[in-house]
Protein backbone atom coordinates (compact mmCIF):
# COMPACT_ATOMS: atom_id res chain seq x y z
CA MET A 1 326.60 54.26 187.51
CA LEU A 2 325.07 57.61 186.67
CA ALA A 3 325.01 58.51 183.01
CA GLN A 4 325.25 62.34 183.05
CA GLY A 5 321.90 62.91 184.78
CA LYS A 6 319.91 60.86 182.24
CA GLY A 7 319.53 57.86 184.25
CA ILE A 8 321.13 54.90 185.99
CA ALA A 9 322.71 52.38 183.53
CA ILE A 10 322.43 48.76 184.58
CA THR A 11 323.95 47.12 181.39
CA ALA A 12 325.74 44.55 183.71
CA VAL A 13 322.41 42.56 183.79
CA ASP A 14 322.17 42.35 179.99
CA GLY A 15 322.40 38.70 178.98
CA THR A 16 322.06 37.22 182.45
CA TRP A 17 319.70 34.43 183.47
CA HIS A 18 317.40 36.97 185.31
CA HIS A 19 317.40 39.23 182.34
CA ALA A 20 316.21 36.30 180.14
CA LEU A 21 313.70 35.37 182.82
CA PHE A 22 311.96 38.70 182.76
CA VAL A 23 312.40 40.02 179.23
CA GLY A 24 313.67 37.09 177.22
CA ARG A 25 311.88 35.09 174.64
CA LEU A 26 310.41 31.63 175.04
CA PHE A 27 311.50 29.40 172.24
CA GLY A 28 312.86 32.44 170.52
CA LEU A 29 309.36 33.67 169.86
CA ILE A 30 307.06 34.52 172.69
CA PRO A 31 308.14 37.40 174.93
CA ALA A 32 308.63 36.55 178.54
CA GLN A 33 306.46 39.45 179.58
CA PHE A 34 303.54 37.77 177.89
CA VAL A 35 304.16 34.59 179.70
CA TRP A 36 304.30 36.34 182.94
CA PHE A 37 301.11 38.35 182.06
CA ILE A 38 299.17 35.19 181.31
CA GLY A 39 300.54 33.40 184.37
CA ILE A 40 299.84 36.24 186.79
CA ALA A 41 296.32 36.88 185.17
CA LEU A 42 295.38 33.23 185.78
CA PHE A 43 296.68 33.24 189.41
CA VAL A 44 294.94 36.45 190.35
CA GLY A 45 291.89 35.39 188.42
CA LEU A 46 291.65 32.21 190.45
CA ILE A 47 292.07 34.17 193.69
CA TYR A 48 289.44 36.69 192.81
CA ARG A 49 286.90 34.00 191.42
CA ARG A 50 287.48 31.03 193.78
CA HIS A 51 288.65 32.65 197.09
CA ARG A 52 286.43 34.64 199.63
CA PHE A 53 288.86 37.32 199.33
CA GLY A 54 287.79 38.08 195.82
CA ASN A 55 284.12 38.38 197.02
CA HIS A 56 285.16 40.61 199.74
CA VAL A 57 286.91 43.01 197.40
CA HIS A 58 283.73 43.09 195.14
CA PHE A 59 281.57 43.72 198.24
CA VAL A 60 283.79 46.46 199.62
CA GLY A 61 284.07 48.05 196.16
CA ASP A 62 280.31 47.86 195.58
CA ASN A 63 279.06 49.07 198.98
CA GLU A 64 281.41 49.44 201.89
CA ALA A 65 278.69 50.02 204.45
CA SER A 66 276.92 46.70 203.29
CA ALA A 67 280.12 44.82 203.41
CA ARG A 68 280.67 46.00 206.96
CA MET A 69 277.34 44.92 207.95
CA MET A 70 278.01 41.49 206.53
CA GLY A 71 281.00 41.14 208.91
CA ILE A 72 283.73 41.91 206.25
CA ASP A 73 286.66 43.84 207.67
CA ALA A 74 286.65 46.48 204.81
CA ASP A 75 289.80 48.27 206.20
CA ARG A 76 291.76 44.97 206.05
CA VAL A 77 290.50 44.16 202.52
CA ARG A 78 291.46 47.67 201.40
CA ILE A 79 294.84 47.38 202.83
CA ILE A 80 295.59 43.95 201.29
CA ALA A 81 294.39 45.34 197.95
CA PHE A 82 296.77 48.32 198.16
CA VAL A 83 299.65 46.04 199.19
CA GLN A 84 298.96 43.94 196.12
CA LEU A 85 298.82 47.06 194.05
CA GLY A 86 302.27 48.07 195.37
CA PHE A 87 303.69 44.64 194.84
CA PHE A 88 302.49 44.38 191.20
CA SER A 89 303.59 47.99 190.51
CA ALA A 90 307.08 47.08 191.68
CA PHE A 91 307.04 44.01 189.50
CA ALA A 92 306.10 46.12 186.57
CA GLY A 93 308.90 48.55 187.41
CA ILE A 94 311.29 45.45 187.35
CA PHE A 95 310.00 44.43 183.89
CA ALA A 96 310.49 48.21 182.68
CA MET A 97 313.88 48.23 184.11
CA TYR A 98 315.16 44.99 182.49
CA GLU A 99 313.53 45.92 179.19
CA LEU A 100 315.16 49.35 178.79
CA LEU A 101 318.45 48.70 180.92
CA TYR A 102 318.15 52.26 182.18
CA PHE A 103 316.05 53.61 185.05
CA TRP A 104 314.63 57.12 185.33
CA PRO A 105 312.66 58.33 188.34
CA SER A 106 309.85 59.46 185.97
CA GLN A 107 309.81 56.23 183.99
CA GLY A 108 306.19 54.89 183.32
CA SER A 109 304.50 58.25 184.34
CA GLY A 110 302.75 58.24 180.99
CA LEU A 111 301.15 54.86 181.30
CA LEU A 112 298.28 55.79 183.60
CA LEU A 113 295.97 56.66 180.73
CA THR A 114 296.76 53.47 178.98
CA THR A 115 296.13 51.50 182.08
CA LEU A 116 292.70 53.15 182.72
CA ALA A 117 291.63 52.56 179.14
CA ALA A 118 292.43 48.84 179.35
CA VAL A 119 290.69 48.37 182.55
CA PHE A 120 287.54 50.48 181.49
CA VAL A 121 287.30 48.79 178.00
CA GLY A 122 287.71 45.45 179.75
CA GLY A 123 284.43 46.00 181.54
CA THR A 124 285.36 47.26 184.96
CA SER A 125 282.74 49.70 186.23
CA VAL A 126 283.76 53.13 187.39
CA PHE A 127 281.18 52.90 190.12
CA GLY A 128 282.84 50.04 191.63
CA GLY A 129 282.05 46.36 192.53
CA LYS A 130 281.99 45.05 189.03
CA GLY A 131 284.74 43.83 186.84
CA THR A 132 286.64 40.63 186.11
CA ILE A 133 290.26 39.68 185.36
CA TYR A 134 289.25 38.15 182.13
CA GLY A 135 287.66 41.29 180.98
CA THR A 136 290.75 43.22 181.94
CA VAL A 137 292.90 40.85 179.91
CA ILE A 138 290.61 41.27 176.95
CA GLY A 139 290.90 45.16 177.46
CA VAL A 140 294.71 44.93 177.51
CA LEU A 141 294.72 42.96 174.32
CA ILE A 142 292.30 45.48 172.66
CA ILE A 143 294.32 48.49 173.86
CA GLY A 144 297.52 46.93 172.66
CA SER A 145 296.21 46.39 169.29
CA ILE A 146 294.78 49.89 169.08
CA GLU A 147 298.07 51.33 169.92
CA SER A 148 299.92 49.22 167.47
CA GLY A 149 297.34 50.15 164.79
CA VAL A 150 297.55 53.90 165.41
CA VAL A 151 301.36 53.86 165.47
CA ALA A 152 301.35 51.58 162.28
CA ILE A 153 299.19 54.12 160.42
CA GLY A 154 301.87 56.74 161.28
CA PHE A 155 300.00 59.10 163.72
CA SER A 156 301.94 60.77 166.41
CA GLY A 157 301.88 59.79 170.20
CA PHE A 158 299.34 62.61 170.73
CA PHE A 159 296.76 60.67 168.70
CA VAL A 160 297.37 57.53 170.70
CA GLN A 161 296.57 59.36 173.94
CA PHE A 162 293.62 60.94 172.15
CA VAL A 163 292.23 57.47 171.14
CA TYR A 164 292.66 56.31 174.82
CA GLY A 165 290.80 59.42 176.09
CA LEU A 166 288.00 58.73 173.61
CA LEU A 167 287.79 55.06 174.65
CA ILE A 168 287.65 55.98 178.38
CA THR A 169 284.97 58.53 177.67
CA ALA A 170 282.87 56.18 175.69
CA ALA A 171 283.27 53.34 178.20
CA VAL A 172 282.26 55.56 181.14
CA THR A 173 279.43 56.89 179.22
CA VAL A 174 278.14 53.39 178.43
CA TYR A 175 278.60 52.26 181.92
CA ALA A 176 276.70 55.35 183.20
CA LEU A 177 273.84 54.80 180.80
CA LEU A 178 273.50 51.10 181.75
CA HIS A 179 273.70 51.91 185.39
CA LYS A 180 271.09 54.59 184.98
CA ARG A 181 268.73 52.09 183.19
CA ARG A 182 269.09 49.47 185.93
CA ASP A 183 268.12 51.89 188.54
């Protein structure tokens, strides 16, 4: 049902089993999103650490020409990576929809800076080929803590975005200096 151009109301799902599965609380304490986050991080971490597809992703991200010379189908690896990206983006959209019980076409458009900050703080190199799921999980926890701290201090949303921008700039600068030192 359309709510006067503001979004689509989906209040019929509130209190259902699938609403509890996605955004409920485990034992009344632990948010279901956190359980999903840990489960998906472990699953994807196993794939990227123990399966050859993970190595292929790192090789293609580090140096595509070398990966092709090693016999890796770089186009196939890239397509699978983008399919995974689309799947997990849709999954995140489901979480957001169940959490807010409304859907807007522009919902989540301001989360890109937060995502980039978490990934870069977690140790993923801007230059490609380096990064871990474990580091990204740590980066997400750090960024979540920083956001909570900035909001608890009483600063506006502008300062949260400002802090994220500073973190991205600092992380990219550190990686560039380390990369330059290695060369």
